[in-house]
Amino acid sequence: LSKKQLHRLCEQLCQSVFEVKGKSTFKEEFVTAGGIDLKEVNFKRFESKLLPGLFLAGEVLDIDAITGGFNFQAAWTGGWIAGEAMGE
């Protein structure tokens, strides 16, 4: 994507509303693998290095760990750090 296209995509995503309606149809939760390359993230703020002002956390990042709450903790901590940074 060009910088202009990436900026437009960011605007569209930030203005989108999503409704969570429950668990999957299989009633099981799994971690998704893949996502934004970690080299593109400033982890002091969980902010995109390519598009400052875009904050990233949870499963949009290329992080996956073993079962046992590690993925939850990574998502919660990243979300908290990103939220704090957005409030600055």
PDB file of N, CA and C in Angstrom:
ATOM      1  N   LEU A   1       0.835  -1.190   0.000  1.00  0.00           N
ATOM      2  CA  LEU A   1       0.000   0.000   0.000  1.00  0.00           C
ATOM      3  C   LEU A   1       0.875   1.246   0.000  1.00  0.00           C
ATOM      4  N   SER A   2       0.418   2.250  -0.684  1.00  0.00           N
ATOM      5  CA  SER A   2       1.131   3.525  -0.650  1.00  0.00           C
ATOM      6  C   SER A   2       0.862   4.187   0.702  1.00  0.00           C
ATOM      7  N   LYS A   3       1.629   5.206   1.014  1.00  0.00           N
ATOM      8  CA  LYS A   3       1.432   5.919   2.277  1.00  0.00           C
ATOM      9  C   LYS A   3       0.026   6.523   2.330  1.00  0.00           C
ATOM     10  N   LYS A   4      -0.446   7.050   1.205  1.00  0.00           N
ATOM     11  CA  LYS A   4      -1.786   7.634   1.139  1.00  0.00           C
ATOM     12  C   LYS A   4      -2.858   6.559   1.371  1.00  0.00           C
ATOM     13  N   GLN A   5      -2.676   5.387   0.742  1.00  0.00           N
ATOM     14  CA  GLN A   5      -3.638   4.296   0.914  1.00  0.00           C
ATOM     15  C   GLN A   5      -3.632   3.784   2.354  1.00  0.00           C
ATOM     16  N   LEU A   6      -2.448   3.682   2.950  1.00  0.00           N
ATOM     17  CA  LEU A   6      -2.328   3.234   4.330  1.00  0.00           C
ATOM     18  C   LEU A   6      -3.013   4.218   5.276  1.00  0.00           C
ATOM     19  N   HIS A   7      -2.834   5.501   5.027  1.00  0.00           N
ATOM     20  CA  HIS A   7      -3.478   6.532   5.843  1.00  0.00           C
ATOM     21  C   HIS A   7      -5.003   6.439   5.717  1.00  0.00           C
ATOM     22  N   ARG A   8      -5.494   6.248   4.517  1.00  0.00           N
ATOM     23  CA  ARG A   8      -6.943   6.119   4.285  1.00  0.00           C
ATOM     24  C   ARG A   8      -7.494   4.873   4.975  1.00  0.00           C
ATOM     25  N   LEU A   9      -6.767   3.769   4.891  1.00  0.00           N
ATOM     26  CA  LEU A   9      -7.183   2.540   5.563  1.00  0.00           C
ATOM     27  C   LEU A   9      -7.249   2.758   7.073  1.00  0.00           C
ATOM     28  N   CYS A  10      -6.255   3.431   7.603  1.00  0.00           N
ATOM     29  CA  CYS A  10      -6.238   3.741   9.035  1.00  0.00           C
ATOM     30  C   CYS A  10      -7.455   4.570   9.421  1.00  0.00           C
ATOM     31  N   GLU A  11      -7.770   5.581   8.633  1.00  0.00           N
ATOM     32  CA  GLU A  11      -8.950   6.413   8.900  1.00  0.00           C
ATOM     33  C   GLU A  11     -10.220   5.573   8.899  1.00  0.00           C
ATOM     34  N   GLN A  12     -10.360   4.703   7.916  1.00  0.00           N
ATOM     35  CA  GLN A  12     -11.563   3.869   7.815  1.00  0.00           C
ATOM     36  C   GLN A  12     -11.674   2.917   9.002  1.00  0.00           C
ATOM     37  N   LEU A  13     -10.568   2.297   9.381  1.00  0.00           N
ATOM     38  CA  LEU A  13     -10.596   1.367  10.507  1.00  0.00           C
ATOM     39  C   LEU A  13     -10.901   2.080  11.819  1.00  0.00           C
ATOM     40  N   CYS A  14     -10.332   3.262  11.999  1.00  0.00           N
ATOM     41  CA  CYS A  14     -10.560   4.018  13.236  1.00  0.00           C
ATOM     42  C   CYS A  14     -11.999   4.498  13.355  1.00  0.00           C
ATOM     43  N   GLN A  15     -12.689   4.660  12.248  1.00  0.00           N
ATOM     44  CA  GLN A  15     -14.075   5.123  12.266  1.00  0.00           C
ATOM     45  C   GLN A  15     -15.071   3.967  12.249  1.00  0.00           C
ATOM     46  N   SER A  16     -14.589   2.746  12.150  1.00  0.00           N
ATOM     47  CA  SER A  16     -15.470   1.579  12.058  1.00  0.00           C
ATOM     48  C   SER A  16     -16.000   1.181  13.431  1.00  0.00           C
ATOM     49  N   VAL A  17     -17.178   0.606  13.438  1.00  0.00           N
ATOM     50  CA  VAL A  17     -17.789   0.083  14.655  1.00  0.00           C
ATOM     51  C   VAL A  17     -17.973  -1.420  14.459  1.00  0.00           C
ATOM     52  N   PHE A  18     -17.537  -2.197  15.438  1.00  0.00           N
ATOM     53  CA  PHE A  18     -17.652  -3.646  15.372  1.00  0.00           C
ATOM     54  C   PHE A  18     -18.429  -4.139  16.583  1.00  0.00           C
ATOM     55  N   GLU A  19     -19.275  -5.127  16.373  1.00  0.00           N
ATOM     56  CA  GLU A  19     -20.059  -5.707  17.456  1.00  0.00           C
ATOM     57  C   GLU A  19     -19.591  -7.143  17.691  1.00  0.00           C
ATOM     58  N   VAL A  20     -19.228  -7.435  18.933  1.00  0.00           N
ATOM     59  CA  VAL A  20     -18.841  -8.794  19.302  1.00  0.00           C
ATOM     60  C   VAL A  20     -20.097  -9.511  19.759  1.00  0.00           C
ATOM     61  N   LYS A  21     -20.378 -10.644  19.139  1.00  0.00           N
ATOM     62  CA  LYS A  21     -21.618 -11.361  19.427  1.00  0.00           C
ATOM     63  C   LYS A  21     -21.393 -12.665  20.173  1.00  0.00           C
ATOM     64  N   GLY A  22     -20.232 -12.888  20.703  1.00  0.00           N
ATOM     65  CA  GLY A  22     -19.993 -14.104  21.469  1.00  0.00           C
ATOM     66  C   GLY A  22     -18.824 -14.898  20.938  1.00  0.00           C
ATOM     67  N   LYS A  23     -18.776 -16.129  21.385  1.00  0.00           N
ATOM     68  CA  LYS A  23     -17.683 -17.023  21.011  1.00  0.00           C
ATOM     69  C   LYS A  23     -17.883 -17.550  19.599  1.00  0.00           C
ATOM     70  N   SER A  24     -16.887 -18.265  19.140  1.00  0.00           N
ATOM     71  CA  SER A  24     -16.973 -18.857  17.807  1.00  0.00           C
ATOM     72  C   SER A  24     -18.061 -19.920  17.762  1.00  0.00           C
ATOM     73  N   THR A  25     -18.399 -20.352  16.586  1.00  0.00           N
ATOM     74  CA  THR A  25     -19.435 -21.379  16.435  1.00  0.00           C
ATOM     75  C   THR A  25     -18.990 -22.710  17.015  1.00  0.00           C
ATOM     76  N   PHE A  26     -17.669 -22.889  17.183  1.00  0.00           N
ATOM     77  CA  PHE A  26     -17.157 -24.137  17.742  1.00  0.00           C
ATOM     78  C   PHE A  26     -17.009 -24.054  19.254  1.00  0.00           C
ATOM     79  N   LYS A  27     -17.293 -22.885  19.840  1.00  0.00           N
ATOM     80  CA  LYS A  27     -17.172 -22.642  21.279  1.00  0.00           C
ATOM     81  C   LYS A  27     -15.754 -22.885  21.796  1.00  0.00           C
ATOM     82  N   GLU A  28     -14.799 -22.677  20.947  1.00  0.00           N
ATOM     83  CA  GLU A  28     -13.400 -22.787  21.333  1.00  0.00           C
ATOM     84  C   GLU A  28     -12.682 -21.531  20.866  1.00  0.00           C
ATOM     85  N   GLU A  29     -11.694 -21.118  21.633  1.00  0.00           N
ATOM     86  CA  GLU A  29     -10.932 -19.938  21.262  1.00  0.00           C
ATOM     87  C   GLU A  29      -9.510 -20.356  20.928  1.00  0.00           C
ATOM     88  N   PHE A  30      -8.977 -19.752  19.921  1.00  0.00           N
ATOM     89  CA  PHE A  30      -7.613 -20.026  19.507  1.00  0.00           C
ATOM     90  C   PHE A  30      -6.921 -18.704  19.240  1.00  0.00           C
ATOM     91  N   VAL A  31      -5.630 -18.739  19.292  1.00  0.00           N
ATOM     92  CA  VAL A  31      -4.826 -17.566  18.980  1.00  0.00           C
ATOM     93  C   VAL A  31      -4.610 -17.527  17.478  1.00  0.00           C
ATOM     94  N   THR A  32      -4.669 -16.334  16.909  1.00  0.00           N
ATOM     95  CA  THR A  32      -4.338 -16.203  15.500  1.00  0.00           C
ATOM     96  C   THR A  32      -2.849 -15.905  15.382  1.00  0.00           C
ATOM     97  N   ALA A  33      -2.224 -16.466  14.397  1.00  0.00           N
ATOM     98  CA  ALA A  33      -0.810 -16.206  14.150  1.00  0.00           C
ATOM     99  C   ALA A  33      -0.708 -15.242  12.981  1.00  0.00           C
ATOM    100  N   GLY A  34       0.359 -14.492  12.973  1.00  0.00           N
ATOM    101  CA  GLY A  34       0.535 -13.509  11.909  1.00  0.00           C
ATOM    102  C   GLY A  34       0.092 -12.148  12.397  1.00  0.00           C
ATOM    103  N   GLY A  35       0.215 -11.189  11.557  1.00  0.00           N
ATOM    104  CA  GLY A  35      -0.150  -9.832  11.937  1.00  0.00           C
ATOM    105  C   GLY A  35       0.960  -8.871  11.573  1.00  0.00           C
ATOM    106  N   ILE A  36       0.921  -7.718  12.181  1.00  0.00           N
ATOM    107  CA  ILE A  36       1.894  -6.665  11.885  1.00  0.00           C
ATOM    108  C   ILE A  36       3.269  -7.073  12.402  1.00  0.00           C
ATOM    109  N   ASP A  37       4.262  -6.926  11.545  1.00  0.00           N
ATOM    110  CA  ASP A  37       5.641  -7.269  11.885  1.00  0.00           C
ATOM    111  C   ASP A  37       6.077  -6.460  13.103  1.00  0.00           C
ATOM    112  N   LEU A  38       6.645  -7.138  14.092  1.00  0.00           N
ATOM    113  CA  LEU A  38       7.031  -6.482  15.341  1.00  0.00           C
ATOM    114  C   LEU A  38       8.119  -5.434  15.146  1.00  0.00           C
ATOM    115  N   LYS A  39       8.884  -5.532  14.057  1.00  0.00           N
ATOM    116  CA  LYS A  39       9.910  -4.519  13.769  1.00  0.00           C
ATOM    117  C   LYS A  39       9.277  -3.170  13.447  1.00  0.00           C
ATOM    118  N   GLU A  40       7.986  -3.174  13.123  1.00  0.00           N
ATOM    119  CA  GLU A  40       7.287  -1.942  12.749  1.00  0.00           C
ATOM    120  C   GLU A  40       6.580  -1.285  13.933  1.00  0.00           C
ATOM    121  N   VAL A  41       6.854  -1.782  15.161  1.00  0.00           N
ATOM    122  CA  VAL A  41       6.130  -1.299  16.341  1.00  0.00           C
ATOM    123  C   VAL A  41       7.091  -0.712  17.367  1.00  0.00           C
ATOM    124  N   ASN A  42       6.768   0.477  17.862  1.00  0.00           N
ATOM    125  CA  ASN A  42       7.478   1.085  18.985  1.00  0.00           C
ATOM    126  C   ASN A  42       6.817   0.540  20.249  1.00  0.00           C
ATOM    127  N   PHE A  43       7.466  -0.406  20.933  1.00  0.00           N
ATOM    128  CA  PHE A  43       6.845  -1.075  22.069  1.00  0.00           C
ATOM    129  C   PHE A  43       6.809  -0.238  23.338  1.00  0.00           C
ATOM    130  N   LYS A  44       7.473   0.904  23.355  1.00  0.00           N
ATOM    131  CA  LYS A  44       7.330   1.799  24.511  1.00  0.00           C
ATOM    132  C   LYS A  44       5.948   2.435  24.518  1.00  0.00           C
ATOM    133  N   ARG A  45       5.313   2.512  23.328  1.00  0.00           N
ATOM    134  CA  ARG A  45       3.991   3.130  23.198  1.00  0.00           C
ATOM    135  C   ARG A  45       2.991   2.229  22.461  1.00  0.00           C
ATOM    136  N   PHE A  46       3.455   1.094  21.956  1.00  0.00           N
ATOM    137  CA  PHE A  46       2.653   0.218  21.097  1.00  0.00           C
ATOM    138  C   PHE A  46       2.068   1.023  19.937  1.00  0.00           C
ATOM    139  N   GLU A  47       2.952   1.791  19.313  1.00  0.00           N
ATOM    140  CA  GLU A  47       2.579   2.683  18.216  1.00  0.00           C
ATOM    141  C   GLU A  47       3.315   2.258  16.948  1.00  0.00           C
ATOM    142  N   SER A  48       2.643   2.392  15.822  1.00  0.00           N
ATOM    143  CA  SER A  48       3.249   2.060  14.537  1.00  0.00           C
ATOM    144  C   SER A  48       4.422   2.995  14.253  1.00  0.00           C
ATOM    145  N   LYS A  49       5.535   2.420  13.811  1.00  0.00           N
ATOM    146  CA  LYS A  49       6.670   3.231  13.374  1.00  0.00           C
ATOM    147  C   LYS A  49       6.410   3.807  11.986  1.00  0.00           C
ATOM    148  N   LEU A  50       5.549   3.136  11.218  1.00  0.00           N
ATOM    149  CA  LEU A  50       5.264   3.574   9.853  1.00  0.00           C
ATOM    150  C   LEU A  50       4.179   4.637   9.793  1.00  0.00           C
ATOM    151  N   LEU A  51       3.261   4.606  10.748  1.00  0.00           N
ATOM    152  CA  LEU A  51       2.146   5.547  10.749  1.00  0.00           C
ATOM    153  C   LEU A  51       1.922   6.050  12.176  1.00  0.00           C
ATOM    154  N   PRO A  52       2.733   7.031  12.615  1.00  0.00           N
ATOM    155  CA  PRO A  52       2.587   7.554  13.970  1.00  0.00           C
ATOM    156  C   PRO A  52       1.141   7.980  14.241  1.00  0.00           C
ATOM    157  N   GLY A  53       0.688   7.668  15.440  1.00  0.00           N
ATOM    158  CA  GLY A  53      -0.697   7.954  15.799  1.00  0.00           C
ATOM    159  C   GLY A  53      -1.585   6.728  15.677  1.00  0.00           C
ATOM    160  N   LEU A  54      -1.069   5.670  15.043  1.00  0.00           N
ATOM    161  CA  LEU A  54      -1.794   4.400  14.945  1.00  0.00           C
ATOM    162  C   LEU A  54      -1.220   3.477  16.014  1.00  0.00           C
ATOM    163  N   PHE A  55      -2.062   3.107  16.970  1.00  0.00           N
ATOM    164  CA  PHE A  55      -1.635   2.268  18.081  1.00  0.00           C
ATOM    165  C   PHE A  55      -2.115   0.841  17.852  1.00  0.00           C
ATOM    166  N   LEU A  56      -1.293  -0.117  18.256  1.00  0.00           N
ATOM    167  CA  LEU A  56      -1.523  -1.523  17.913  1.00  0.00           C
ATOM    168  C   LEU A  56      -1.379  -2.389  19.157  1.00  0.00           C
ATOM    169  N   ALA A  57      -2.261  -3.359  19.315  1.00  0.00           N
ATOM    170  CA  ALA A  57      -2.151  -4.291  20.439  1.00  0.00           C
ATOM    171  C   ALA A  57      -2.946  -5.548  20.118  1.00  0.00           C
ATOM    172  N   GLY A  58      -2.722  -6.572  20.900  1.00  0.00           N
ATOM    173  CA  GLY A  58      -3.493  -7.802  20.752  1.00  0.00           C
ATOM    174  C   GLY A  58      -3.145  -8.563  19.492  1.00  0.00           C
ATOM    175  N   GLU A  59      -4.157  -9.171  18.895  1.00  0.00           N
ATOM    176  CA  GLU A  59      -3.929 -10.085  17.785  1.00  0.00           C
ATOM    177  C   GLU A  59      -3.683  -9.405  16.443  1.00  0.00           C
ATOM    178  N   VAL A  60      -3.622  -8.073  16.411  1.00  0.00           N
ATOM    179  CA  VAL A  60      -3.199  -7.426  15.165  1.00  0.00           C
ATOM    180  C   VAL A  60      -1.680  -7.517  15.020  1.00  0.00           C
ATOM    181  N   LEU A  61      -0.998  -7.871  16.117  1.00  0.00           N
ATOM    182  CA  LEU A  61       0.456  -8.005  16.103  1.00  0.00           C
ATOM    183  C   LEU A  61       0.859  -9.450  15.849  1.00  0.00           C
ATOM    184  N   ASP A  62       2.037  -9.638  15.300  1.00  0.00           N
ATOM    185  CA  ASP A  62       2.557 -10.979  15.024  1.00  0.00           C
ATOM    186  C   ASP A  62       3.160 -11.565  16.304  1.00  0.00           C
ATOM    187  N   ILE A  63       2.276 -11.831  17.272  1.00  0.00           N
ATOM    188  CA  ILE A  63       2.675 -12.430  18.549  1.00  0.00           C
ATOM    189  C   ILE A  63       1.780 -13.636  18.781  1.00  0.00           C
ATOM    190  N   ASP A  64       2.370 -14.762  19.083  1.00  0.00           N
ATOM    191  CA  ASP A  64       1.572 -15.889  19.555  1.00  0.00           C
ATOM    192  C   ASP A  64       2.424 -16.700  20.515  1.00  0.00           C
ATOM    193  N   ALA A  65       1.785 -17.198  21.549  1.00  0.00           N
ATOM    194  CA  ALA A  65       2.491 -17.934  22.596  1.00  0.00           C
ATOM    195  C   ALA A  65       1.718 -19.208  22.914  1.00  0.00           C
ATOM    196  N   ILE A  66       2.261 -19.997  23.818  1.00  0.00           N
ATOM    197  CA  ILE A  66       1.587 -21.228  24.202  1.00  0.00           C
ATOM    198  C   ILE A  66       0.310 -20.913  24.978  1.00  0.00           C
ATOM    199  N   THR A  67      -0.593 -21.874  25.039  1.00  0.00           N
ATOM    200  CA  THR A  67      -1.834 -21.723  25.783  1.00  0.00           C
ATOM    201  C   THR A  67      -1.517 -21.585  27.267  1.00  0.00           C
ATOM    202  N   GLY A  68      -2.313 -20.799  27.953  1.00  0.00           N
ATOM    203  CA  GLY A  68      -2.118 -20.639  29.389  1.00  0.00           C
ATOM    204  C   GLY A  68      -2.227 -19.199  29.837  1.00  0.00           C
ATOM    205  N   GLY A  69      -2.784 -18.354  29.004  1.00  0.00           N
ATOM    206  CA  GLY A  69      -2.983 -16.964  29.391  1.00  0.00           C
ATOM    207  C   GLY A  69      -1.915 -16.009  28.907  1.00  0.00           C
ATOM    208  N   PHE A  70      -0.866 -16.529  28.290  1.00  0.00           N
ATOM    209  CA  PHE A  70       0.227 -15.662  27.852  1.00  0.00           C
ATOM    210  C   PHE A  70      -0.224 -14.686  26.766  1.00  0.00           C
ATOM    211  N   ASN A  71      -1.057 -15.151  25.863  1.00  0.00           N
ATOM    212  CA  ASN A  71      -1.563 -14.282  24.799  1.00  0.00           C
ATOM    213  C   ASN A  71      -2.497 -13.222  25.364  1.00  0.00           C
ATOM    214  N   PHE A  72      -3.323 -13.622  26.347  1.00  0.00           N
ATOM    215  CA  PHE A  72      -4.184 -12.643  27.011  1.00  0.00           C
ATOM    216  C   PHE A  72      -3.337 -11.557  27.651  1.00  0.00           C
ATOM    217  N   GLN A  73      -2.308 -11.964  28.388  1.00  0.00           N
ATOM    218  CA  GLN A  73      -1.472 -10.990  29.081  1.00  0.00           C
ATOM    219  C   GLN A  73      -0.783 -10.053  28.100  1.00  0.00           C
ATOM    220  N   ALA A  74      -0.293 -10.588  26.996  1.00  0.00           N
ATOM    221  CA  ALA A  74       0.345  -9.740  25.981  1.00  0.00           C
ATOM    222  C   ALA A  74      -0.656  -8.730  25.429  1.00  0.00           C
ATOM    223  N   ALA A  75      -1.895  -9.174  25.187  1.00  0.00           N
ATOM    224  CA  ALA A  75      -2.926  -8.281  24.651  1.00  0.00           C
ATOM    225  C   ALA A  75      -3.328  -7.232  25.684  1.00  0.00           C
ATOM    226  N   TRP A  76      -3.545  -7.654  26.936  1.00  0.00           N
ATOM    227  CA  TRP A  76      -3.960  -6.711  27.983  1.00  0.00           C
ATOM    228  C   TRP A  76      -2.880  -5.669  28.250  1.00  0.00           C
ATOM    229  N   THR A  77      -1.643  -6.126  28.372  1.00  0.00           N
ATOM    230  CA  THR A  77      -0.549  -5.198  28.651  1.00  0.00           C
ATOM    231  C   THR A  77      -0.332  -4.243  27.480  1.00  0.00           C
ATOM    232  N   GLY A  78      -0.322  -4.786  26.269  1.00  0.00           N
ATOM    233  CA  GLY A  78      -0.166  -3.932  25.088  1.00  0.00           C
ATOM    234  C   GLY A  78      -1.291  -2.924  24.965  1.00  0.00           C
ATOM    235  N   GLY A  79      -2.513  -3.361  25.239  1.00  0.00           N
ATOM    236  CA  GLY A  79      -3.661  -2.454  25.194  1.00  0.00           C
ATOM    237  C   GLY A  79      -3.554  -1.347  26.223  1.00  0.00           C
ATOM    238  N   TRP A  80      -3.103  -1.697  27.413  1.00  0.00           N
ATOM    239  CA  TRP A  80      -2.951  -0.699  28.477  1.00  0.00           C
ATOM    240  C   TRP A  80      -1.883   0.325  28.101  1.00  0.00           C
ATOM    241  N   ILE A  81      -0.734  -0.166  27.614  1.00  0.00           N
ATOM    242  CA  ILE A  81       0.351   0.743  27.221  1.00  0.00           C
ATOM    243  C   ILE A  81      -0.104   1.648  26.074  1.00  0.00           C
ATOM    244  N   ALA A  82      -0.774   1.071  25.080  1.00  0.00           N
ATOM    245  CA  ALA A  82      -1.270   1.871  23.950  1.00  0.00           C
ATOM    246  C   ALA A  82      -2.281   2.905  24.429  1.00  0.00           C
ATOM    247  N   GLY A  83      -3.172   2.502  25.325  1.00  0.00           N
ATOM    248  CA  GLY A  83      -4.171   3.434  25.856  1.00  0.00           C
ATOM    249  C   GLY A  83      -3.539   4.588  26.614  1.00  0.00           C
ATOM    250  N   GLU A  84      -2.549   4.276  27.431  1.00  0.00           N
ATOM    251  CA  GLU A  84      -1.830   5.330  28.159  1.00  0.00           C
ATOM    252  C   GLU A  84      -1.153   6.288  27.179  1.00  0.00           C
ATOM    253  N   ALA A  85      -0.526   5.736  26.149  1.00  0.00           N
ATOM    254  CA  ALA A  85       0.171   6.569  25.156  1.00  0.00           C
ATOM    255  C   ALA A  85      -0.813   7.454  24.398  1.00  0.00           C
ATOM    256  N   MET A  86      -1.986   6.915  24.076  1.00  0.00           N
ATOM    257  CA  MET A  86      -2.995   7.716  23.366  1.00  0.00           C
ATOM    258  C   MET A  86      -3.490   8.870  24.221  1.00  0.00           C
ATOM    259  N   GLY A  87      -3.494   8.668  25.538  1.00  0.00           N
ATOM    260  CA  GLY A  87      -3.980   9.706  26.444  1.00  0.00           C
ATOM    261  C   GLY A  87      -2.983  10.818  26.699  1.00  0.00           C
ATOM    262  N   GLU A  88      -1.750  10.641  26.231  1.00  0.00           N
ATOM    263  CA  GLU A  88      -0.722  11.676  26.459  1.00  0.00           C
ATOM    264  C   GLU A  88      -0.932  12.884  25.579  1.00  0.00           C
TER     265      GLU A  88
END
